[in-house]
N, C-alpha and C. Protein backbone atom coordinates (compact mmCIF):
# COMPACT_ATOMS: atom_id res chain seq x y z
N MET A 1 -38.14 13.83 -33.22
CA MET A 1 -37.90 12.69 -32.35
C MET A 1 -36.63 12.96 -31.54
N ASP A 2 -36.71 12.80 -30.24
CA ASP A 2 -35.57 13.04 -29.37
C ASP A 2 -34.79 11.73 -29.20
N ILE A 3 -33.77 11.58 -30.02
CA ILE A 3 -32.97 10.35 -30.03
C ILE A 3 -32.29 10.12 -28.67
N GLN A 4 -31.87 11.19 -28.02
CA GLN A 4 -31.20 11.04 -26.73
C GLN A 4 -32.13 10.41 -25.69
N LYS A 5 -33.40 10.82 -25.67
CA LYS A 5 -34.36 10.23 -24.73
C LYS A 5 -34.60 8.76 -25.06
N ILE A 6 -34.69 8.46 -26.33
CA ILE A 6 -34.89 7.06 -26.75
C ILE A 6 -33.68 6.23 -26.35
N LYS A 7 -32.48 6.78 -26.55
CA LYS A 7 -31.26 6.06 -26.19
C LYS A 7 -31.25 5.75 -24.70
N ILE A 8 -31.61 6.72 -23.87
CA ILE A 8 -31.63 6.51 -22.42
C ILE A 8 -32.66 5.42 -22.05
N LYS A 9 -33.83 5.48 -22.69
CA LYS A 9 -34.87 4.48 -22.43
C LYS A 9 -34.38 3.08 -22.82
N LEU A 10 -33.73 2.98 -23.98
CA LEU A 10 -33.21 1.69 -24.44
C LEU A 10 -32.10 1.17 -23.52
N GLU A 11 -31.23 2.06 -23.06
CA GLU A 11 -30.15 1.65 -22.16
C GLU A 11 -30.71 1.12 -20.84
N LYS A 12 -31.74 1.76 -20.32
CA LYS A 12 -32.37 1.28 -19.09
C LYS A 12 -33.02 -0.08 -19.32
N GLU A 13 -33.70 -0.23 -20.46
CA GLU A 13 -34.33 -1.51 -20.77
C GLU A 13 -33.28 -2.61 -20.90
N LEU A 14 -32.16 -2.29 -21.51
CA LEU A 14 -31.09 -3.27 -21.68
C LEU A 14 -30.57 -3.75 -20.31
N VAL A 15 -30.38 -2.83 -19.39
CA VAL A 15 -29.91 -3.19 -18.05
C VAL A 15 -30.91 -4.12 -17.36
N LEU A 16 -32.20 -3.78 -17.44
CA LEU A 16 -33.22 -4.62 -16.82
C LEU A 16 -33.26 -6.01 -17.45
N LEU A 17 -33.18 -6.07 -18.76
CA LEU A 17 -33.19 -7.36 -19.45
C LEU A 17 -31.97 -8.20 -19.04
N GLU A 18 -30.81 -7.55 -18.98
CA GLU A 18 -29.60 -8.29 -18.58
C GLU A 18 -29.73 -8.83 -17.16
N GLU A 19 -30.28 -8.03 -16.26
CA GLU A 19 -30.47 -8.49 -14.89
C GLU A 19 -31.39 -9.71 -14.84
N GLU A 20 -32.49 -9.65 -15.58
CA GLU A 20 -33.42 -10.78 -15.61
C GLU A 20 -32.76 -12.00 -16.21
N MET A 21 -32.02 -11.80 -17.28
CA MET A 21 -31.41 -12.93 -17.97
C MET A 21 -30.29 -13.56 -17.14
N HIS A 22 -29.56 -12.75 -16.38
CA HIS A 22 -28.49 -13.29 -15.53
C HIS A 22 -29.05 -14.14 -14.40
N GLU A 23 -30.31 -13.95 -14.04
CA GLU A 23 -30.92 -14.77 -13.00
C GLU A 23 -31.17 -16.20 -13.47
N VAL A 24 -31.34 -16.38 -14.77
CA VAL A 24 -31.70 -17.70 -15.30
C VAL A 24 -30.69 -18.25 -16.30
N GLY A 25 -29.69 -17.45 -16.66
CA GLY A 25 -28.76 -17.91 -17.67
C GLY A 25 -27.46 -17.14 -17.66
N ARG A 26 -26.69 -17.39 -18.71
CA ARG A 26 -25.43 -16.69 -18.91
C ARG A 26 -25.19 -16.54 -20.41
N LYS A 27 -24.36 -15.56 -20.75
CA LYS A 27 -24.02 -15.36 -22.17
C LYS A 27 -23.21 -16.55 -22.66
N ASN A 28 -23.50 -16.96 -23.85
CA ASN A 28 -22.74 -18.02 -24.49
C ASN A 28 -21.37 -17.43 -24.85
N PRO A 29 -20.29 -17.99 -24.33
CA PRO A 29 -18.97 -17.39 -24.58
C PRO A 29 -18.57 -17.40 -26.06
N SER A 30 -19.10 -18.31 -26.84
CA SER A 30 -18.73 -18.37 -28.25
C SER A 30 -19.65 -17.54 -29.15
N ASN A 31 -20.79 -17.05 -28.60
CA ASN A 31 -21.71 -16.23 -29.38
C ASN A 31 -22.40 -15.23 -28.45
N PRO A 32 -21.92 -13.98 -28.41
CA PRO A 32 -22.45 -13.01 -27.45
C PRO A 32 -23.92 -12.63 -27.66
N LYS A 33 -24.51 -13.00 -28.79
CA LYS A 33 -25.93 -12.71 -29.00
C LYS A 33 -26.81 -13.83 -28.45
N LYS A 34 -26.20 -14.92 -28.04
CA LYS A 34 -26.93 -16.07 -27.52
C LYS A 34 -26.72 -16.22 -26.02
N TRP A 35 -27.77 -16.63 -25.36
CA TRP A 35 -27.72 -16.93 -23.93
C TRP A 35 -28.06 -18.39 -23.75
N GLU A 36 -27.56 -18.97 -22.68
CA GLU A 36 -27.87 -20.36 -22.37
C GLU A 36 -28.36 -20.45 -20.93
N PRO A 37 -29.28 -21.36 -20.67
CA PRO A 37 -29.81 -21.49 -19.30
C PRO A 37 -28.71 -21.92 -18.34
N VAL A 38 -28.88 -21.52 -17.09
CA VAL A 38 -27.92 -21.89 -16.05
C VAL A 38 -28.02 -23.39 -15.82
N GLU A 39 -26.87 -24.01 -15.78
CA GLU A 39 -26.83 -25.43 -15.51
C GLU A 39 -26.93 -25.66 -14.01
N THR A 40 -27.38 -26.81 -13.66
CA THR A 40 -27.57 -27.14 -12.25
C THR A 40 -26.24 -27.56 -11.61
N ASP A 41 -26.10 -27.27 -10.33
CA ASP A 41 -24.94 -27.71 -9.55
C ASP A 41 -25.27 -28.97 -8.75
N LEU A 42 -26.42 -29.52 -9.00
CA LEU A 42 -26.88 -30.68 -8.24
C LEU A 42 -25.94 -31.86 -8.42
N ASN A 43 -25.55 -32.45 -7.33
CA ASN A 43 -24.71 -33.64 -7.36
C ASN A 43 -25.63 -34.84 -7.58
N ALA A 44 -25.66 -35.34 -8.79
CA ALA A 44 -26.60 -36.40 -9.15
C ALA A 44 -26.41 -37.66 -8.32
N ASP A 45 -25.18 -37.92 -7.87
CA ASP A 45 -24.93 -39.12 -7.07
C ASP A 45 -25.60 -39.03 -5.70
N MET A 46 -25.70 -37.80 -5.17
CA MET A 46 -26.24 -37.62 -3.83
C MET A 46 -27.73 -37.24 -3.84
N ALA A 47 -28.25 -36.86 -5.00
CA ALA A 47 -29.62 -36.37 -5.08
C ALA A 47 -30.60 -37.52 -5.30
N ASP A 48 -31.81 -37.31 -4.80
CA ASP A 48 -32.84 -38.31 -5.07
C ASP A 48 -33.57 -37.93 -6.36
N GLY A 49 -34.42 -38.81 -6.80
CA GLY A 49 -35.14 -38.62 -8.06
C GLY A 49 -35.97 -37.34 -8.10
N ASP A 50 -36.59 -36.99 -6.98
CA ASP A 50 -37.41 -35.77 -6.93
C ASP A 50 -36.55 -34.52 -7.12
N GLU A 51 -35.39 -34.50 -6.49
CA GLU A 51 -34.49 -33.35 -6.63
C GLU A 51 -34.02 -33.20 -8.07
N ILE A 52 -33.68 -34.30 -8.69
CA ILE A 52 -33.23 -34.27 -10.08
C ILE A 52 -34.36 -33.78 -10.98
N ALA A 53 -35.57 -34.27 -10.75
CA ALA A 53 -36.73 -33.84 -11.55
C ALA A 53 -36.98 -32.35 -11.37
N ASP A 54 -36.86 -31.85 -10.13
CA ASP A 54 -37.05 -30.42 -9.87
C ASP A 54 -36.00 -29.58 -10.61
N GLU A 55 -34.76 -30.03 -10.56
CA GLU A 55 -33.69 -29.30 -11.24
C GLU A 55 -33.89 -29.30 -12.75
N MET A 56 -34.33 -30.41 -13.30
CA MET A 56 -34.60 -30.48 -14.73
C MET A 56 -35.74 -29.54 -15.11
N GLU A 57 -36.74 -29.45 -14.26
CA GLU A 57 -37.86 -28.54 -14.50
C GLU A 57 -37.38 -27.09 -14.42
N ASN A 58 -36.54 -26.77 -13.44
CA ASN A 58 -35.98 -25.42 -13.32
C ASN A 58 -35.17 -25.05 -14.56
N PHE A 59 -34.36 -25.98 -15.03
CA PHE A 59 -33.55 -25.75 -16.22
C PHE A 59 -34.45 -25.47 -17.41
N SER A 60 -35.51 -26.24 -17.55
CA SER A 60 -36.46 -26.06 -18.66
C SER A 60 -37.16 -24.70 -18.56
N GLU A 61 -37.52 -24.30 -17.35
CA GLU A 61 -38.15 -22.99 -17.15
C GLU A 61 -37.18 -21.87 -17.51
N ASN A 62 -35.93 -22.02 -17.10
CA ASN A 62 -34.92 -21.01 -17.42
C ASN A 62 -34.74 -20.89 -18.94
N GLU A 63 -34.75 -22.02 -19.60
CA GLU A 63 -34.62 -22.04 -21.06
C GLU A 63 -35.80 -21.32 -21.72
N SER A 64 -36.98 -21.54 -21.19
CA SER A 64 -38.18 -20.89 -21.72
C SER A 64 -38.14 -19.38 -21.51
N ILE A 65 -37.70 -18.96 -20.33
CA ILE A 65 -37.60 -17.53 -20.04
C ILE A 65 -36.59 -16.88 -20.99
N LEU A 66 -35.45 -17.52 -21.16
CA LEU A 66 -34.44 -16.97 -22.06
C LEU A 66 -34.92 -16.89 -23.50
N SER A 67 -35.70 -17.86 -23.92
CA SER A 67 -36.19 -17.86 -25.31
C SER A 67 -37.12 -16.67 -25.57
N LYS A 68 -37.74 -16.16 -24.53
CA LYS A 68 -38.60 -14.98 -24.67
C LYS A 68 -37.81 -13.68 -24.54
N LEU A 69 -36.85 -13.65 -23.64
CA LEU A 69 -36.09 -12.43 -23.38
C LEU A 69 -34.97 -12.18 -24.38
N GLU A 70 -34.36 -13.23 -24.88
CA GLU A 70 -33.20 -13.08 -25.76
C GLU A 70 -33.49 -12.25 -27.02
N PRO A 71 -34.58 -12.50 -27.74
CA PRO A 71 -34.85 -11.68 -28.93
C PRO A 71 -35.07 -10.20 -28.58
N GLN A 72 -35.74 -9.96 -27.47
CA GLN A 72 -35.97 -8.59 -27.02
C GLN A 72 -34.65 -7.92 -26.68
N TYR A 73 -33.80 -8.62 -25.97
CA TYR A 73 -32.48 -8.12 -25.60
C TYR A 73 -31.67 -7.77 -26.85
N ASN A 74 -31.65 -8.67 -27.82
CA ASN A 74 -30.89 -8.43 -29.06
C ASN A 74 -31.46 -7.27 -29.86
N ASP A 75 -32.79 -7.13 -29.87
CA ASP A 75 -33.41 -5.99 -30.57
C ASP A 75 -33.01 -4.67 -29.93
N VAL A 76 -32.96 -4.63 -28.61
CA VAL A 76 -32.57 -3.41 -27.89
C VAL A 76 -31.10 -3.09 -28.19
N LYS A 77 -30.24 -4.11 -28.14
CA LYS A 77 -28.83 -3.89 -28.46
C LYS A 77 -28.67 -3.38 -29.89
N ASP A 78 -29.41 -3.98 -30.82
CA ASP A 78 -29.34 -3.56 -32.22
C ASP A 78 -29.82 -2.11 -32.39
N ALA A 79 -30.89 -1.74 -31.68
CA ALA A 79 -31.40 -0.38 -31.76
C ALA A 79 -30.35 0.61 -31.26
N LEU A 80 -29.67 0.28 -30.18
CA LEU A 80 -28.62 1.16 -29.66
C LEU A 80 -27.46 1.29 -30.66
N GLU A 81 -27.12 0.19 -31.31
CA GLU A 81 -26.07 0.24 -32.34
C GLU A 81 -26.51 1.12 -33.51
N LYS A 82 -27.78 1.04 -33.89
CA LYS A 82 -28.30 1.87 -34.99
C LYS A 82 -28.26 3.35 -34.62
N ILE A 83 -28.54 3.66 -33.37
CA ILE A 83 -28.44 5.05 -32.93
C ILE A 83 -27.01 5.54 -33.12
N GLU A 84 -26.04 4.73 -32.73
CA GLU A 84 -24.63 5.11 -32.87
C GLU A 84 -24.24 5.28 -34.34
N LYS A 85 -24.78 4.44 -35.22
CA LYS A 85 -24.44 4.48 -36.65
C LYS A 85 -25.25 5.53 -37.41
N GLY A 86 -26.31 6.04 -36.77
CA GLY A 86 -27.15 7.02 -37.44
C GLY A 86 -28.20 6.41 -38.34
N THR A 87 -28.50 5.13 -38.14
CA THR A 87 -29.49 4.45 -38.97
C THR A 87 -30.76 4.09 -38.19
N TYR A 88 -30.88 4.60 -36.98
CA TYR A 88 -32.04 4.29 -36.14
C TYR A 88 -33.32 4.85 -36.78
N GLY A 89 -34.40 4.07 -36.69
CA GLY A 89 -35.70 4.53 -37.17
C GLY A 89 -35.98 4.20 -38.62
N LYS A 90 -35.12 3.41 -39.24
CA LYS A 90 -35.32 2.99 -40.63
C LYS A 90 -35.79 1.54 -40.64
N CYS A 91 -36.78 1.25 -41.46
CA CYS A 91 -37.30 -0.11 -41.60
C CYS A 91 -36.22 -1.01 -42.19
N GLU A 92 -35.99 -2.15 -41.57
CA GLU A 92 -34.97 -3.09 -42.06
C GLU A 92 -35.36 -3.75 -43.37
N ILE A 93 -36.63 -3.75 -43.70
CA ILE A 93 -37.07 -4.41 -44.93
C ILE A 93 -37.19 -3.41 -46.08
N GLY A 94 -37.94 -2.35 -45.87
CA GLY A 94 -38.19 -1.40 -46.97
C GLY A 94 -37.32 -0.17 -46.95
N GLY A 95 -36.67 0.11 -45.85
CA GLY A 95 -35.79 1.27 -45.75
C GLY A 95 -36.50 2.58 -45.43
N GLU A 96 -37.84 2.54 -45.39
CA GLU A 96 -38.56 3.78 -45.07
C GLU A 96 -38.48 4.08 -43.58
N ASN A 97 -38.82 5.31 -43.22
CA ASN A 97 -38.81 5.72 -41.82
C ASN A 97 -39.91 5.00 -41.05
N ILE A 98 -39.57 4.58 -39.85
CA ILE A 98 -40.56 4.01 -38.93
C ILE A 98 -41.23 5.20 -38.25
N THR A 99 -42.54 5.16 -38.13
CA THR A 99 -43.26 6.30 -37.54
C THR A 99 -42.84 6.54 -36.10
N GLN A 100 -42.92 7.79 -35.70
CA GLN A 100 -42.58 8.15 -34.32
C GLN A 100 -43.51 7.45 -33.33
N ALA A 101 -44.77 7.30 -33.71
CA ALA A 101 -45.72 6.62 -32.82
C ALA A 101 -45.28 5.17 -32.57
N ARG A 102 -44.83 4.49 -33.61
CA ARG A 102 -44.37 3.10 -33.45
C ARG A 102 -43.10 3.05 -32.60
N LEU A 103 -42.18 3.97 -32.85
CA LEU A 103 -40.94 3.98 -32.07
C LEU A 103 -41.19 4.38 -30.62
N LYS A 104 -42.18 5.22 -30.41
CA LYS A 104 -42.52 5.58 -29.03
C LYS A 104 -43.08 4.37 -28.29
N ALA A 105 -43.93 3.61 -28.98
CA ALA A 105 -44.53 2.41 -28.38
C ALA A 105 -43.50 1.28 -28.23
N ASN A 106 -42.61 1.17 -29.19
CA ASN A 106 -41.60 0.12 -29.18
C ASN A 106 -40.28 0.69 -29.71
N PRO A 107 -39.46 1.26 -28.83
CA PRO A 107 -38.23 1.91 -29.29
C PRO A 107 -37.25 0.99 -30.01
N SER A 108 -37.41 -0.32 -29.84
CA SER A 108 -36.50 -1.24 -30.52
C SER A 108 -37.13 -1.85 -31.78
N ALA A 109 -38.19 -1.23 -32.27
CA ALA A 109 -38.85 -1.73 -33.49
C ALA A 109 -37.85 -1.78 -34.65
N ARG A 110 -37.88 -2.87 -35.37
CA ARG A 110 -36.95 -3.06 -36.48
C ARG A 110 -37.58 -2.73 -37.83
N THR A 111 -38.90 -2.69 -37.86
CA THR A 111 -39.58 -2.45 -39.13
C THR A 111 -40.73 -1.46 -38.96
N CYS A 112 -41.20 -0.96 -40.09
CA CYS A 112 -42.42 -0.14 -40.08
C CYS A 112 -43.60 -1.09 -39.86
N VAL A 113 -44.77 -0.52 -39.63
CA VAL A 113 -45.96 -1.34 -39.38
C VAL A 113 -46.24 -2.24 -40.58
N LYS A 114 -46.11 -1.69 -41.78
CA LYS A 114 -46.41 -2.44 -43.01
C LYS A 114 -45.60 -3.74 -43.08
N HIS A 115 -44.35 -3.70 -42.65
CA HIS A 115 -43.48 -4.87 -42.74
C HIS A 115 -43.34 -5.64 -41.42
N SER A 116 -44.10 -5.28 -40.41
CA SER A 116 -43.92 -5.88 -39.08
C SER A 116 -44.18 -7.39 -39.03
N LYS A 117 -45.00 -7.89 -39.92
CA LYS A 117 -45.31 -9.33 -39.92
C LYS A 117 -44.26 -10.15 -40.64
N LYS A 118 -43.30 -9.47 -41.28
CA LYS A 118 -42.30 -10.19 -42.09
C LYS A 118 -41.03 -10.52 -41.34
N VAL A 119 -40.95 -10.12 -40.07
CA VAL A 119 -39.74 -10.47 -39.28
C VAL A 119 -40.08 -11.46 -38.21
């Protein structure tokens, strides 16, 4: 397994995820693993009901997007940390090696196939 190629792939994925997440949110300053949706700048005193409803819908959509991207982002960051520590490719549950085929398909996989349903 070429760890350097995997590291480059993960770094590129991390950049893309961060770009997508910055469009709809920002890092939580008190917890760097958490993101929060972008708040609206709408002046509620000057806005009509439709504008407020649209902004609330946008906020909700941003929250939904982040809820899907955040776990993926954290898994990629964790995989990169494991590469640095020399623990990449080990199942977090059983400790056995994750197959190369699984890591090729999902470089940020945290578990072997046998334990994949337990996370």
